[in-house]
Amino acid sequence: MELKRVVVTGLGALTPLGNTVEESWENLKAGKSGAGPITHFDASQFKTQFACEVKGFNSADFIDRKESRKMDIYTQYAIAAAKMAIADSGMNLETVDKNEIGVVLGVGIGGIKTFEEEAGNYAVNGPEMGPKFNPFFIPKMIADIAAGHISIEYGFHGPNFTTTSACASSSNALADAFNLIRLGKANAIVTGGAEAAIWASGVGGFNAMKALSTRNEEPEKASRPFSASRDGFVMGEGAGVLILEELEHAKARGAKIYAEMVGAGMSADAYHITATHPEGLGAKLVMQRALKDAGMNPEDIDYINVHGTSTHVGDISESKAIKDLFGEAAYKLNISSTKSMTGHLLGAAGAVEAIISILSVKNDIVPPTINHADDDQDPEIDYNLNFTFNKAQERTVRAALSNTFGFGGHNASVIFKKYAE
C-alpha cells in the first residue's frame, strides 16, 4: 500500500507569548519570556509563585458565553486554537466532506480547575449538606471533551479521540493524525493539544515533586535549559492546533502549505515514573524511529526543538541522546529549547513546539534558548553543540525534528520538512 503524503495547511495557537500564532512567533524570535507572577490563584504560600500564563484571553471572542460556562478553561483554549487553525487553513466548510475530517487532540491532565473546584466544594459543604455536584462536572473535567466539542461545533464525523501520555500527549496526537491520513482513514484532521494546569493543585503537586523552579525573584530568567544553575521547569499553559491534510486534497482546493509532515517516532524509557533515562536511551530510540519513518538520515535535519525542560537530568540525557544518534552531524545542527520562553505547556507542549518547528522550516529562522550565561556551564553538557543561546539565528532549515518526553517514560518525536512537489 502506498502511503499518502501529509501537509500542514493551518495553524492556531494560544500561548504565554501571544494569543495568535503571529504574535507568539514574533516574541519567540525576539527571545521574550512569558513568565510572571501567578494571577490565576493566590500563590503566595507556594514554593513557586510564578508561571507562564496565557494573558488577556477572552473566551467570548470564540465561544458563546452560555456555552463557555459548561467548559473547563483547557477546553476553551483548545476551541480557540482550533478555530484559528481552521480559519487559517482556508477550508470551505460548505463544500468539504465532513465525514472525512477528524479531530485528534493531546491532553495531559484535562480539567484540573474543574476537579479542584468541585472537590473543594464537596469538602466544605458535602459532609453536612450532602453531595451536590454540578451536572457539568464530568463533561467539563474529562480529558477527551475538547475534541468532542470541536467535532460537534463543525460537524466533523471523522476519527475523534484524545491521546494522553503526559508531556508527550500532543506529539502522540500529531503522530496518530499523521498515520490516519497517510493510511487513507481521513482527508484532514484537526490535531494538537491544550492544557491549563496553573491552579493550586497543579502547582502544589509539581512543587511536592520538587519539579518546578523556585526562582521567584526573577521569574523571566527561571527557565534556563542547559545551564548549570537550572533548578526545574516553569509551568506554562495554552493550546496549539494544526490542520494536517492529505496532499492531493489540499492541492485540489488550492490550500497554502506551510510544510510537509514526514515522520513520527514513539518509544518508552521503561526506566522510571518521572525521570528520563540518564543516558537518553529512550530519547535516542524515539528520534531514530522518527528518522526511519521519514526515510531520512541524521544529516538531513537542520534544527531540533528539544524537550529541554530546564531540569538537571533531563537536559543532560537529551543532549547525550542527540550526540549518540547524530554523531558528527550533531555539531552542524541548531538546537533550541523554546520552553525557556513559553514555559512547559505539559500536554500542549508538543503541539506548540511543532508549530514553532514548522515556522522555523518555513521562515529559515531558529528561535533561541534564552537565559544562558557563558559562565553558567554544566560540565556534563557539551557546549560545542549549538544550543542557539540567547539570540535567534537565521539559517536554511530543510527539516526540523521536535521532541517531547512525558512522565511514565513516554517519548514522541515528529519531523517536518519544506514542502516540494
Protein backbone atom coordinates (compact mmCIF):
# COMPACT_ATOMS: atom_id res chain seq x y z
CA MET A 1 0.00 0.00 0.00
CA GLU A 2 1.38 3.39 -0.99
CA LEU A 3 1.23 5.86 1.88
CA LYS A 4 -0.31 9.25 1.20
CA ARG A 5 1.64 12.45 1.77
CA VAL A 6 0.57 14.72 4.62
CA VAL A 7 0.94 18.50 4.70
CA VAL A 8 0.23 21.28 7.19
CA THR A 9 -2.36 23.77 5.92
CA GLY A 10 -3.48 25.64 9.03
CA LEU A 11 -2.07 26.81 12.37
CA GLY A 12 -3.65 28.19 15.53
CA ALA A 13 -2.03 28.95 18.86
CA LEU A 14 -2.75 30.48 22.23
CA THR A 15 0.46 30.72 24.26
CA PRO A 16 2.09 32.66 27.10
CA LEU A 17 3.80 34.72 24.37
CA GLY A 18 0.70 35.70 22.43
CA ASN A 19 -2.91 34.94 21.61
CA THR A 20 -2.16 34.23 17.95
CA VAL A 21 0.47 32.29 16.03
CA GLU A 22 1.90 35.52 14.62
CA GLU A 23 2.27 37.27 17.98
CA SER A 24 3.78 34.18 19.59
CA TRP A 25 6.27 33.76 16.73
CA GLU A 26 7.42 37.39 16.87
CA ASN A 27 8.05 37.15 20.61
CA LEU A 28 9.86 33.83 20.19
CA LYS A 29 12.20 35.35 17.61
CA ALA A 30 12.82 38.28 19.95
CA GLY A 31 13.73 35.96 22.84
CA LYS A 32 10.96 37.20 25.12
CA SER A 33 9.96 35.33 28.27
CA GLY A 34 6.30 34.67 29.03
CA ALA A 35 6.90 34.15 32.76
CA GLY A 36 5.47 36.29 35.53
CA PRO A 37 3.71 36.13 38.91
CA ILE A 38 0.76 33.74 39.01
CA THR A 39 -2.57 35.53 38.71
CA HIS A 40 -4.96 32.57 38.40
CA PHE A 41 -4.95 31.95 42.17
CA ASP A 42 -3.24 33.21 45.33
CA ALA A 43 0.16 31.50 45.19
CA SER A 44 1.75 33.50 47.99
CA GLN A 45 2.14 30.43 50.22
CA PHE A 46 3.54 28.19 47.50
CA LYS A 47 7.20 27.41 46.90
CA THR A 48 6.71 28.51 43.27
CA GLN A 49 4.78 31.73 42.79
CA PHE A 50 5.21 32.30 39.06
CA ALA A 51 4.36 30.63 35.76
CA CYS A 52 3.92 31.29 32.06
CA GLU A 53 0.22 32.16 31.87
CA VAL A 54 -1.90 32.99 28.84
CA LYS A 55 -2.65 36.71 29.05
CA GLY A 56 -5.76 38.66 28.11
CA PHE A 57 -7.75 35.65 26.86
CA ASN A 58 -11.47 36.34 26.43
CA SER A 59 -13.44 33.18 25.75
CA ALA A 60 -16.32 35.29 24.38
CA ASP A 61 -14.15 36.03 21.34
CA PHE A 62 -14.54 32.37 20.35
CA ILE A 63 -17.36 30.77 22.33
CA ASP A 64 -20.91 31.71 23.30
CA ARG A 65 -20.88 32.86 26.92
CA LYS A 66 -23.57 30.41 27.98
CA GLU A 67 -21.72 27.51 26.37
CA SER A 68 -18.35 28.55 27.79
CA ARG A 69 -19.71 28.11 31.33
CA LYS A 70 -20.06 24.41 30.54
CA MET A 71 -16.35 24.14 29.67
CA ASP A 72 -13.14 23.99 31.64
CA ILE A 73 -10.59 26.60 30.64
CA TYR A 74 -8.43 23.99 28.87
CA THR A 75 -11.36 23.23 26.54
CA GLN A 76 -11.84 26.93 25.87
CA TYR A 77 -8.17 27.21 24.92
CA ALA A 78 -8.47 24.20 22.59
CA ILE A 79 -11.54 25.56 20.83
CA ALA A 80 -9.93 28.99 20.38
CA ALA A 81 -6.80 27.50 18.81
CA ALA A 82 -8.87 25.14 16.64
CA LYS A 83 -10.99 27.99 15.31
CA MET A 84 -7.85 29.96 14.45
CA ALA A 85 -6.31 26.96 12.68
CA ILE A 86 -9.44 26.12 10.69
CA ALA A 87 -9.82 29.75 9.60
CA ASP A 88 -6.12 29.88 8.68
CA SER A 89 -6.48 26.75 6.53
CA GLY A 90 -8.98 28.49 4.25
CA MET A 91 -11.06 25.33 4.18
CA ASN A 92 -14.55 25.85 2.76
CA LEU A 93 -16.73 24.09 5.30
CA GLU A 94 -19.71 24.22 2.93
CA THR A 95 -18.00 22.06 0.32
CA VAL A 96 -15.60 19.71 2.14
CA ASP A 97 -16.72 16.21 3.05
CA LYS A 98 -17.04 16.47 6.84
CA ASN A 99 -17.29 12.70 7.12
CA GLU A 100 -13.61 12.62 6.16
CA ILE A 101 -12.38 15.21 8.66
CA GLY A 102 -11.38 14.17 12.18
CA VAL A 103 -10.25 15.68 15.46
CA VAL A 104 -7.34 14.18 17.43
CA LEU A 105 -6.10 16.18 20.40
CA GLY A 106 -3.48 15.57 23.08
CA VAL A 107 -4.24 16.50 26.69
CA GLY A 108 -2.04 15.59 29.63
CA ILE A 109 -4.25 16.47 32.60
CA GLY A 110 -7.50 17.99 31.38
CA GLY A 111 -9.98 19.83 33.57
CA ILE A 112 -7.92 20.14 36.75
CA LYS A 113 -9.50 23.50 37.63
CA THR A 114 -12.98 21.98 37.43
CA PHE A 115 -11.96 18.98 39.53
CA GLU A 116 -10.30 21.21 42.11
CA GLU A 117 -13.38 23.43 42.44
CA GLU A 118 -15.89 20.58 42.68
CA ALA A 119 -13.82 18.55 45.12
CA GLY A 120 -13.25 21.68 47.22
CA ASN A 121 -16.96 22.50 47.30
CA TYR A 122 -17.75 18.99 48.45
CA ALA A 123 -15.03 19.08 51.12
CA VAL A 124 -16.52 22.28 52.56
CA ASN A 125 -20.25 21.55 52.15
CA GLY A 126 -20.67 17.85 51.43
CA PRO A 127 -20.39 16.30 54.90
CA GLU A 128 -23.29 18.39 56.24
CA MET A 129 -25.36 19.22 53.17
CA GLY A 130 -24.84 16.04 51.17
CA PRO A 131 -23.13 15.67 47.79
CA LYS A 132 -24.22 18.46 45.43
CA PHE A 133 -22.13 18.33 42.29
CA ASN A 134 -22.54 20.43 39.18
CA PRO A 135 -24.22 18.32 36.45
CA PHE A 136 -21.50 19.54 34.08
CA PHE A 137 -18.70 18.41 36.42
CA ILE A 138 -17.79 15.26 34.50
CA PRO A 139 -18.17 16.63 30.94
CA LYS A 140 -16.14 19.71 31.93
CA MET A 141 -13.35 17.69 33.55
CA ILE A 142 -12.67 14.72 31.28
CA ALA A 143 -9.61 14.96 29.05
CA ASP A 144 -11.34 13.93 25.82
CA ILE A 145 -14.10 16.53 25.85
CA ALA A 146 -12.28 19.27 23.92
CA ALA A 147 -12.03 17.03 20.85
CA GLY A 148 -15.72 16.28 21.22
CA HIS A 149 -16.66 19.96 21.39
CA ILE A 150 -14.68 20.76 18.23
CA SER A 151 -16.27 17.93 16.24
CA ILE A 152 -19.74 18.98 17.41
CA GLU A 153 -19.09 22.65 16.57
CA TYR A 154 -18.12 21.85 12.98
CA GLY A 155 -19.93 18.58 12.32
CA PHE A 156 -16.70 16.65 11.69
CA HIS A 157 -17.56 12.93 11.60
CA GLY A 158 -14.06 11.52 11.07
CA PRO A 159 -11.86 9.86 13.73
CA ASN A 160 -12.30 11.62 17.06
CA PHE A 161 -10.29 10.92 20.20
CA THR A 162 -7.71 12.20 22.66
CA THR A 163 -4.23 10.93 23.46
CA THR A 164 -2.90 11.17 27.00
CA SER A 165 0.80 10.49 27.56
CA ALA A 166 1.72 13.31 29.96
CA CYS A 167 4.02 15.84 28.27
CA ALA A 168 4.20 13.76 25.08
CA SER A 169 0.40 13.86 24.64
CA SER A 170 0.04 16.27 21.74
CA SER A 171 3.04 14.88 19.86
CA ASN A 172 1.34 11.49 20.10
CA ALA A 173 -1.83 13.14 18.79
CA LEU A 174 0.10 14.52 15.81
CA ALA A 175 1.59 11.08 15.15
CA ASP A 176 -1.82 9.43 15.26
CA ALA A 177 -3.35 12.07 12.98
CA PHE A 178 -0.43 11.75 10.56
CA ASN A 179 -0.81 7.98 10.38
CA LEU A 180 -4.59 8.10 9.93
CA ILE A 181 -4.27 10.44 6.95
CA ARG A 182 -1.43 8.64 5.21
CA LEU A 183 -3.31 5.35 5.61
CA GLY A 184 -6.34 6.90 3.92
CA LYS A 185 -8.58 6.97 7.02
CA ALA A 186 -9.27 10.71 6.73
CA ASN A 187 -8.72 13.61 4.34
CA ALA A 188 -7.83 16.08 7.08
CA ILE A 189 -7.51 16.11 10.85
CA VAL A 190 -7.68 18.96 13.35
CA THR A 191 -4.91 18.00 15.73
CA GLY A 192 -2.73 19.38 18.50
CA GLY A 193 -3.23 19.83 22.22
CA ALA A 194 -4.33 22.01 25.10
CA GLU A 195 -3.56 22.36 28.80
CA ALA A 196 -4.48 24.67 31.69
CA ALA A 197 -2.94 23.36 34.90
CA ILE A 198 -1.77 26.58 36.59
CA TRP A 199 -4.03 26.13 39.59
CA ALA A 200 -3.32 25.32 43.24
CA SER A 201 -3.43 21.55 42.80
CA GLY A 202 -1.24 21.65 39.69
CA VAL A 203 1.43 23.93 41.10
CA GLY A 204 1.23 22.32 44.54
CA GLY A 205 1.57 18.84 43.10
CA PHE A 206 4.61 19.66 41.00
CA ASN A 207 6.13 21.58 43.94
CA ALA A 208 5.76 18.48 46.11
CA MET A 209 7.80 16.58 43.49
CA LYS A 210 10.43 19.36 43.51
CA ALA A 211 9.98 19.59 39.73
CA LEU A 212 9.38 23.35 39.44
CA SER A 213 11.83 26.20 39.54
CA THR A 214 11.52 28.30 42.70
CA ARG A 215 13.34 31.34 41.32
CA ASN A 216 10.53 33.65 42.48
CA GLU A 217 12.67 36.78 42.49
CA GLU A 218 13.32 36.63 38.71
CA PRO A 219 10.65 34.51 37.01
CA GLU A 220 11.50 35.65 33.48
CA LYS A 221 15.01 34.16 33.96
CA ALA A 222 13.92 30.96 35.72
CA SER A 223 13.69 28.64 32.73
CA ARG A 224 17.31 28.20 31.69
CA PRO A 225 17.73 24.90 29.83
CA PHE A 226 21.27 23.52 29.55
CA SER A 227 22.64 25.99 32.11
CA ALA A 228 24.35 24.71 35.27
CA SER A 229 22.12 26.79 37.57
CA ARG A 230 18.83 25.37 36.23
CA ASP A 231 16.53 24.35 39.08
CA GLY A 232 13.39 22.94 37.48
CA PHE A 233 10.80 23.72 34.85
CA VAL A 234 8.40 26.66 34.65
CA MET A 235 4.79 25.71 34.13
CA GLY A 236 3.02 27.07 31.06
CA GLU A 237 -0.46 26.80 29.59
CA GLY A 238 -2.28 27.27 26.31
CA ALA A 239 -3.06 25.38 23.13
CA GLY A 240 -1.67 24.65 19.71
CA VAL A 241 -3.70 23.25 16.81
CA LEU A 242 -2.60 22.20 13.32
CA ILE A 243 -4.61 21.21 10.28
CA LEU A 244 -2.97 18.13 8.81
CA GLU A 245 -4.25 17.32 5.34
CA GLU A 246 -3.71 14.74 2.64
CA LEU A 247 -1.61 16.40 -0.07
CA GLU A 248 -3.91 15.85 -3.05
CA HIS A 249 -6.92 17.01 -1.03
CA ALA A 250 -5.03 20.19 -0.10
CA LYS A 251 -3.88 20.81 -3.67
CA ALA A 252 -7.36 20.27 -5.08
CA ARG A 253 -8.72 23.14 -3.01
CA GLY A 254 -5.70 25.39 -3.59
CA ALA A 255 -4.59 25.39 0.03
CA LYS A 256 -1.43 27.14 1.18
CA ILE A 257 1.08 24.65 2.56
CA TYR A 258 3.34 25.50 5.48
CA ALA A 259 5.38 22.30 5.46
CA GLU A 260 5.15 18.56 4.97
CA MET A 261 4.97 16.18 7.92
CA VAL A 262 7.20 13.25 7.04
CA GLY A 263 7.85 11.18 10.14
CA ALA A 264 6.87 10.29 13.68
CA GLY A 265 8.53 8.11 16.27
CA MET A 266 7.44 6.71 19.63
CA SER A 267 9.32 4.88 22.37
CA ALA A 268 9.37 4.19 26.09
CA ASP A 269 12.22 4.74 28.52
CA ALA A 270 11.00 1.77 30.62
CA TYR A 271 13.10 3.25 33.41
CA HIS A 272 11.31 5.48 35.97
CA ILE A 273 7.87 7.04 36.52
CA THR A 274 9.18 10.61 36.29
CA ALA A 275 12.90 10.69 35.42
CA THR A 276 14.27 10.26 31.92
CA HIS A 277 16.84 7.55 31.34
CA PRO A 278 20.18 9.12 32.39
CA GLU A 279 21.89 8.03 29.18
CA GLY A 280 18.99 9.13 26.99
CA LEU A 281 18.30 5.65 25.63
CA GLY A 282 14.59 6.22 25.06
CA ALA A 283 15.25 9.68 23.61
CA LYS A 284 17.78 8.28 21.16
CA LEU A 285 15.42 5.48 20.13
CA VAL A 286 12.45 7.78 19.50
CA MET A 287 14.47 10.14 17.29
CA GLN A 288 15.95 7.15 15.45
CA ARG A 289 12.44 5.83 14.78
CA ALA A 290 11.20 9.20 13.56
CA LEU A 291 14.11 9.44 11.12
CA LYS A 292 13.50 5.90 9.87
CA ASP A 293 9.80 6.63 9.43
CA ALA A 294 10.68 9.73 7.38
CA GLY A 295 13.29 7.88 5.32
CA MET A 296 15.87 10.45 6.45
CA ASN A 297 19.41 10.41 7.77
CA PRO A 298 20.70 12.44 10.73
CA GLU A 299 22.45 14.89 8.40
CA ASP A 300 19.08 15.74 6.79
CA ILE A 301 17.91 17.52 9.96
CA ASP A 302 18.91 21.15 10.47
CA TYR A 303 17.00 22.00 13.68
CA ILE A 304 15.88 20.11 16.75
CA ASN A 305 13.29 21.73 19.00
CA VAL A 306 14.27 19.80 22.10
CA HIS A 307 12.19 18.79 25.10
CA GLY A 308 14.70 20.80 27.18
CA THR A 309 12.68 21.48 30.32
CA SER A 310 15.46 23.05 32.43
CA THR A 311 15.66 20.05 34.76
CA HIS A 312 19.01 18.61 35.78
CA VAL A 313 18.82 15.05 34.49
CA GLY A 314 16.52 15.70 31.54
CA ASP A 315 18.71 18.26 29.80
CA ILE A 316 21.81 16.12 30.18
CA SER A 317 20.19 12.93 28.92
CA GLU A 318 18.63 14.61 25.87
CA SER A 319 21.91 16.22 24.83
CA LYS A 320 23.63 12.82 25.19
CA ALA A 321 20.97 11.20 23.01
CA ILE A 322 21.47 13.79 20.27
CA LYS A 323 25.24 13.28 20.28
CA ASP A 324 24.91 9.49 20.27
CA LEU A 325 22.44 9.39 17.38
CA PHE A 326 23.63 12.27 15.20
CA GLY A 327 27.37 11.82 15.65
CA GLU A 328 29.35 14.48 13.77
CA ALA A 329 26.10 15.81 12.29
CA ALA A 330 25.09 16.90 15.80
CA TYR A 331 27.60 19.75 15.60
CA LYS A 332 26.02 21.11 12.41
CA LEU A 333 22.54 21.29 13.93
CA ASN A 334 20.80 24.14 15.63
CA ILE A 335 19.22 23.03 18.88
CA SER A 336 16.91 25.15 20.98
CA SER A 337 14.52 24.84 23.88
CA THR A 338 11.68 27.27 23.37
CA LYS A 339 10.39 26.26 26.81
CA SER A 340 12.90 28.84 28.04
CA MET A 341 10.33 31.38 26.76
CA THR A 342 6.93 29.63 26.76
CA GLY A 343 7.44 27.55 29.87
CA HIS A 344 6.38 23.91 29.79
CA LEU A 345 2.86 23.56 28.43
CA LEU A 346 2.66 19.92 29.57
CA GLY A 347 0.20 18.09 27.29
CA ALA A 348 0.10 21.04 24.88
CA ALA A 349 3.90 21.35 24.59
CA GLY A 350 4.28 19.03 21.60
CA ALA A 351 1.68 20.88 19.52
CA VAL A 352 3.01 24.36 20.25
CA GLU A 353 6.60 23.23 19.62
CA ALA A 354 5.55 21.52 16.39
CA ILE A 355 4.12 24.85 15.24
CA ILE A 356 7.40 26.53 16.17
CA SER A 357 9.33 23.88 14.21
CA ILE A 358 7.08 24.36 11.18
CA LEU A 359 7.58 28.14 11.27
CA SER A 360 11.35 27.59 11.51
CA VAL A 361 11.19 25.43 8.37
CA LYS A 362 9.01 27.97 6.58
CA ASN A 363 10.99 31.08 7.58
CA ASP A 364 14.55 29.71 7.95
CA ILE A 365 14.86 31.11 11.46
CA VAL A 366 15.70 29.19 14.65
CA PRO A 367 14.33 30.78 17.84
CA PRO A 368 16.72 30.89 20.79
CA THR A 369 17.27 29.16 24.11
CA ILE A 370 17.27 32.18 26.41
CA ASN A 371 18.72 32.84 29.88
CA HIS A 372 22.15 31.26 29.39
CA ALA A 373 25.35 32.91 30.60
CA ASP A 374 28.82 31.94 29.40
CA ASP A 375 29.97 31.35 32.99
CA ASP A 376 26.98 29.09 33.77
CA GLN A 377 28.17 25.89 32.13
CA ASP A 378 27.39 22.35 33.24
CA PRO A 379 30.44 20.05 32.90
CA GLU A 380 28.12 17.22 31.82
CA ILE A 381 26.91 19.12 28.75
CA ASP A 382 28.90 19.54 25.52
CA TYR A 383 28.79 23.24 24.60
CA ASN A 384 30.28 22.55 21.20
CA LEU A 385 26.68 21.76 20.30
CA ASN A 386 24.84 24.82 19.01
CA PHE A 387 22.09 25.44 21.56
CA THR A 388 21.16 28.76 19.86
CA PHE A 389 21.73 30.58 23.12
CA ASN A 390 20.04 33.94 23.71
CA LYS A 391 19.57 35.08 20.11
CA ALA A 392 17.62 33.70 17.14
CA GLN A 393 19.70 32.53 14.20
CA GLU A 394 18.95 32.66 10.51
CA ARG A 395 19.86 29.52 8.57
CA THR A 396 18.35 27.24 5.97
CA VAL A 397 16.08 24.80 7.80
CA ARG A 398 15.34 21.98 5.39
CA ALA A 399 13.81 19.84 8.11
CA ALA A 400 13.09 20.14 11.82
CA LEU A 401 12.59 17.47 14.46
CA SER A 402 10.60 18.13 17.65
CA ASN A 403 10.98 16.06 20.84
CA THR A 404 8.57 15.60 23.73
CA PHE A 405 9.04 13.26 26.69
CA GLY A 406 6.46 12.55 29.39
CA PHE A 407 6.19 11.16 32.91
CA GLY A 408 5.87 7.41 32.63
CA GLY A 409 8.72 7.27 30.14
CA HIS A 410 6.60 8.22 27.12
CA ASN A 411 8.63 9.66 24.21
CA ALA A 412 7.42 11.07 20.90
CA SER A 413 9.25 12.82 18.05
CA VAL A 414 7.83 14.38 14.89
CA ILE A 415 9.56 15.67 11.75
CA PHE A 416 8.54 18.42 9.34
CA LYS A 417 10.35 19.46 6.15
CA LYS A 418 9.99 22.03 3.41
CA TYR A 419 7.23 21.07 1.02
CA ALA A 420 8.27 20.37 -2.54
CA GLU A 421 6.38 18.80 -5.45
